[in-house]
Amino acid sequence: MIRVTALAGVAATLLIAPAFAAELSAANQAKLIGNVDAYASRMSQVAMQIWSMPELGYQETKTTALLQSELRNAGFKIESGVAGIPTAFVARAGTADGPVIAILALLAATAGLYFVWLPTHATRLAALVGIGRGVDLIIYIWVVISLILLLNLHLKLRSQAELITTLMREIAVANARTAESSK
């Protein structure tokens, strides 16, 4: 049982580490807030344009064209007609580096296939950590990894919610100051 706990602890450490590495530093938060503030007036103009031209779902051709144009001008690469939907698009920015989760999923799938093809190896590994059957070890590892991924997702979502709250507070204070100074 101690071996299983140690194995779970090592797996948890390896999988949770990217969640903490993804946190924004104070300098990056300030930079992000500055960039949002610099673009706030244009975002308001775009929002008003979208509001002034209502369109039915999956027929938002003007809205899609406007958003794609804005994103393209901001340096995003646009892929239109995603999933066979003419108004759907994906905007990409940054490098083409794949996410860490995709690599972990590939490793887990490869290990899973290996142990399915060679179940005696899974049983031997299970015996080393004090578990009776290889399939039980695979299930335990799958449960631990799933829980760790859920925790990782929760931590990232919480961090994003806190950042959005900070941004909204900054925007609200800026709008209040602007309204107060215009009186």
Foldseek 3Di string as FASTA:
>chain_A
DVLLVVVLVVLLCVLQVVLVVPFDDPVRLVVVLVVCVVCVVVVVVLVVVPVVDDDDPLGPPVNLVSVVVVLVVVPWDKDACPPVRRSDIDTDDDDPDDDPVVVVVVVLVVVVVVCVVPVVVLCVVCVVSPHRGSVVVNVSVVVSNVVSVVVSVVSNVVSVVVSVVVSVVVVVVVVVVVVVVVD
